[in-house]
């Protein structure tokens, strides 16, 4: 069963989107995901600054 995630505080850094959501235990989690075609980058982080740093330094391989 897939988790339904309601994203909030969504920001774009180039092709990468950073958002905040609650995980299944109710904790705040942050995600960075690239929206470029053929780029499979996405990662979850414990704090917002790590997700934003990852978004700013991401380079698509395609």
N, C-alpha and C. Protein backbone atom coordinates (compact mmCIF):
# COMPACT_ATOMS: atom_id res chain seq x y z
N UNK A 1 0.84 -1.17 0.00
CA UNK A 1 0.00 0.00 0.00
C UNK A 1 0.89 1.24 0.00
N UNK A 2 0.61 2.15 -0.87
CA UNK A 2 1.41 3.36 -0.95
C UNK A 2 0.94 4.38 0.08
N UNK A 3 1.85 5.18 0.53
CA UNK A 3 1.53 6.21 1.52
C UNK A 3 1.01 7.46 0.81
N UNK A 4 -0.06 8.02 1.33
CA UNK A 4 -0.56 9.28 0.81
C UNK A 4 0.15 10.40 1.54
N UNK A 5 0.87 11.21 0.80
CA UNK A 5 1.63 12.29 1.42
C UNK A 5 1.06 13.63 0.98
N UNK A 6 0.82 14.47 1.94
CA UNK A 6 0.36 15.82 1.65
C UNK A 6 1.55 16.76 1.83
N UNK A 7 2.03 17.29 0.73
CA UNK A 7 3.21 18.13 0.76
C UNK A 7 2.84 19.56 1.07
N UNK A 8 3.70 20.22 1.83
CA UNK A 8 3.52 21.63 2.16
C UNK A 8 4.88 22.32 2.06
N UNK A 9 4.86 23.62 2.02
CA UNK A 9 6.08 24.41 1.92
C UNK A 9 6.93 23.95 0.73
N UNK A 10 6.31 23.94 -0.44
CA UNK A 10 6.97 23.46 -1.65
C UNK A 10 7.73 24.62 -2.31
N UNK A 11 8.99 24.38 -2.63
CA UNK A 11 9.83 25.37 -3.31
C UNK A 11 10.59 24.70 -4.44
N UNK A 12 10.91 25.48 -5.47
CA UNK A 12 11.69 24.96 -6.60
C UNK A 12 13.07 25.60 -6.59
N UNK A 13 14.07 24.78 -6.85
CA UNK A 13 15.46 25.23 -7.02
C UNK A 13 15.91 24.67 -8.36
N UNK A 14 15.71 25.42 -9.42
CA UNK A 14 15.98 24.90 -10.76
C UNK A 14 15.01 23.78 -11.06
N UNK A 15 15.50 22.62 -11.50
CA UNK A 15 14.60 21.51 -11.79
C UNK A 15 14.22 20.69 -10.54
N UNK A 16 14.80 21.01 -9.39
CA UNK A 16 14.56 20.22 -8.18
C UNK A 16 13.50 20.88 -7.32
N UNK A 17 12.55 20.07 -6.86
CA UNK A 17 11.49 20.53 -5.97
C UNK A 17 11.79 20.03 -4.56
N UNK A 18 11.66 20.93 -3.59
CA UNK A 18 11.86 20.58 -2.18
C UNK A 18 10.53 20.80 -1.47
N UNK A 19 10.11 19.82 -0.66
CA UNK A 19 8.84 19.91 0.05
C UNK A 19 8.95 19.27 1.42
N UNK A 20 8.00 19.62 2.29
CA UNK A 20 7.92 19.08 3.64
C UNK A 20 6.64 18.26 3.76
N UNK A 21 6.71 17.14 4.48
CA UNK A 21 5.53 16.31 4.71
C UNK A 21 5.66 15.59 6.04
N UNK A 22 4.59 14.98 6.49
CA UNK A 22 4.60 14.16 7.71
C UNK A 22 4.75 12.71 7.31
N UNK A 23 5.66 11.98 7.97
CA UNK A 23 5.79 10.56 7.68
C UNK A 23 4.72 9.78 8.44
N UNK A 24 4.77 8.45 8.38
CA UNK A 24 3.73 7.63 9.00
C UNK A 24 3.70 7.74 10.52
N UNK A 25 4.80 8.20 11.11
CA UNK A 25 4.84 8.37 12.56
C UNK A 25 4.56 9.80 13.01
N UNK A 26 4.20 10.67 12.07
CA UNK A 26 3.84 12.04 12.40
C UNK A 26 4.99 13.00 12.49
N UNK A 27 6.19 12.57 12.11
CA UNK A 27 7.36 13.45 12.16
C UNK A 27 7.46 14.25 10.87
N UNK A 28 8.02 15.44 10.97
CA UNK A 28 8.29 16.24 9.77
C UNK A 28 9.46 15.64 9.02
N UNK A 29 9.29 15.44 7.72
CA UNK A 29 10.35 14.96 6.84
C UNK A 29 10.42 15.92 5.66
N UNK A 30 11.55 15.94 4.99
CA UNK A 30 11.77 16.84 3.87
C UNK A 30 12.27 16.01 2.70
N UNK A 31 11.81 16.35 1.52
CA UNK A 31 12.17 15.59 0.33
C UNK A 31 12.66 16.54 -0.75
N UNK A 32 13.64 16.08 -1.50
CA UNK A 32 14.15 16.79 -2.68
C UNK A 32 14.02 15.83 -3.86
N UNK A 33 13.36 16.27 -4.93
CA UNK A 33 13.14 15.41 -6.08
C UNK A 33 13.33 16.23 -7.36
N UNK A 34 14.08 15.66 -8.30
CA UNK A 34 14.32 16.33 -9.58
C UNK A 34 13.16 16.02 -10.53
N UNK A 35 12.70 17.05 -11.24
CA UNK A 35 11.57 16.90 -12.15
C UNK A 35 11.99 16.85 -13.61
N UNK A 36 13.28 16.81 -13.86
CA UNK A 36 13.78 16.74 -15.24
C UNK A 36 13.51 15.35 -15.83
N UNK A 37 13.27 15.28 -17.14
CA UNK A 37 13.05 13.97 -17.76
C UNK A 37 14.29 13.08 -17.64
N UNK A 38 14.09 11.79 -17.39
CA UNK A 38 15.13 10.78 -17.28
C UNK A 38 16.09 11.00 -16.12
N UNK A 39 15.73 11.81 -15.17
CA UNK A 39 16.54 11.98 -13.97
C UNK A 39 15.78 11.37 -12.81
N UNK A 40 16.35 10.37 -12.17
CA UNK A 40 15.66 9.64 -11.12
C UNK A 40 16.09 10.06 -9.72
N UNK A 41 16.54 11.29 -9.56
CA UNK A 41 17.01 11.75 -8.26
C UNK A 41 15.85 12.10 -7.33
N UNK A 42 15.85 11.52 -6.15
CA UNK A 42 14.96 11.92 -5.07
C UNK A 42 15.55 11.40 -3.77
N UNK A 43 15.39 12.18 -2.70
CA UNK A 43 15.95 11.77 -1.41
C UNK A 43 15.16 12.42 -0.28
N UNK A 44 15.07 11.70 0.85
CA UNK A 44 14.42 12.21 2.05
C UNK A 44 15.48 12.64 3.06
N UNK A 45 15.17 13.71 3.79
CA UNK A 45 16.10 14.25 4.77
C UNK A 45 15.38 14.55 6.07
N UNK A 46 16.14 14.63 7.17
CA UNK A 46 15.58 14.94 8.48
C UNK A 46 15.38 16.44 8.67
N UNK A 47 16.20 17.26 7.99
CA UNK A 47 16.04 18.71 8.15
C UNK A 47 15.95 19.40 6.79
N UNK A 48 15.34 20.56 6.79
CA UNK A 48 15.07 21.30 5.57
C UNK A 48 16.35 21.80 4.91
N UNK A 49 17.33 22.21 5.70
CA UNK A 49 18.56 22.77 5.14
C UNK A 49 19.32 21.72 4.33
N UNK A 50 19.30 20.47 4.76
CA UNK A 50 19.97 19.41 4.00
C UNK A 50 19.28 19.18 2.66
N UNK A 51 17.95 19.23 2.65
CA UNK A 51 17.21 19.05 1.40
C UNK A 51 17.48 20.20 0.43
N UNK A 52 17.53 21.42 0.95
CA UNK A 52 17.80 22.58 0.09
C UNK A 52 19.23 22.56 -0.43
N UNK A 53 20.18 22.16 0.38
CA UNK A 53 21.56 22.05 -0.08
C UNK A 53 21.68 21.01 -1.18
N UNK A 54 21.01 19.90 -1.01
CA UNK A 54 21.01 18.86 -2.03
C UNK A 54 20.39 19.37 -3.33
N UNK A 55 19.34 20.14 -3.23
CA UNK A 55 18.69 20.69 -4.42
C UNK A 55 19.59 21.69 -5.14
N UNK A 56 20.29 22.51 -4.40
CA UNK A 56 21.15 23.52 -5.02
C UNK A 56 22.38 22.91 -5.69
N UNK A 57 22.87 21.79 -5.17
CA UNK A 57 24.09 21.20 -5.71
C UNK A 57 23.83 20.04 -6.68
N UNK A 58 22.57 19.73 -6.94
CA UNK A 58 22.25 18.61 -7.84
C UNK A 58 22.55 18.96 -9.29
N UNK A 59 23.18 18.02 -10.01
CA UNK A 59 23.43 18.15 -11.44
C UNK A 59 22.86 16.93 -12.12
N UNK A 60 21.95 17.14 -13.05
CA UNK A 60 21.31 16.03 -13.75
C UNK A 60 22.33 15.34 -14.66
N UNK A 61 22.36 14.02 -14.65
CA UNK A 61 23.29 13.30 -15.51
C UNK A 61 22.87 13.30 -16.97
N UNK A 62 21.59 13.55 -17.23
CA UNK A 62 21.09 13.51 -18.61
C UNK A 62 21.36 14.80 -19.35
